[in-house]
């Protein structure tokens, strides 16, 4: 199997934005519709409880009964967001894979509804199940390590050793998460290319390539953060000019969410610029993986799989 250029993979998103501005425009429209739809949903269904949350203080939340009562009212919102995510993001991942692996299928911004999306949906459910099992296993290991560390530090009575021990468990957990995230990162592209759900095939594809792949993702993430930072600077600047510097924050995050408070000029500008920003950061973050897969598989994939 062939190697790949980490820098080319990291900048694949920017190259795509330059080559396919029409796809970015379609993604912007989709994100704008979704953002506006969620604003209406939140305002119409959750305005009272969000108004309560806006007035909550640390002192008032010391009563656990009151805190649970408020958060229980918000749970349906998180349920809606979760259901939306597991349905929508398989479509997005399919579009990103299609943009790299089947670039001729560019109609409708690479969006489709078909077997590819269903396989990505199945892959996502598989990863959710795997994540739950992994979380339970990691939690058990963390408890055991914490008990061992606690016993050792209690016996030594060393503050330095205690501090090191306290930091060790989360550092190990974070490193383990990064390893698994990188090693499984090509599963979506491989499932798309081979037209069958493959969770563990990515482990073989990434063997011996962890650091270059990690470097590509890290660079892409840094680029996305820079783009996001610049984007929000523009959003806040435009909102300040439109709504006045003194009212900018109230316009963007109203304490009492109503239709009138949500769809003000600054908020509409924020929705539009936010959609543009999201449509640019999508490929920056998501295209490195299929780009790496295409380079790594090389001639090992059939023409119909890659093109």
Foldseek 3Di string as FASTA:
>chain_A
DFADALQCLLCVLVVCCVVCVVLLVLLLVVLLVVVVVVLVVCQVQPLVLLLVVLPDDPVNVVPVVVVCVSVVSCVVVVVVVVVCCLQPVLQLLQQLLCCFQVVVCCPSSSGDDDLLSVLSSVLVVVVVVVVVVVVVVLVVVLVVLVVVQVVVCVVVVDPVSNVVSVVPSVVVVVVVVLQVCQQQVLQSSVCQLVVHRDRNPSNVLCVPPSVSSSSSLVSLVVVLVVLVVVLVVVLQVVLCVVPNVVCSVCLCPPSRRHPVSCPDPSNSSCSSSVSSSVSSSSSSNNNSNSVRVCRSCPPVGDSSSRD
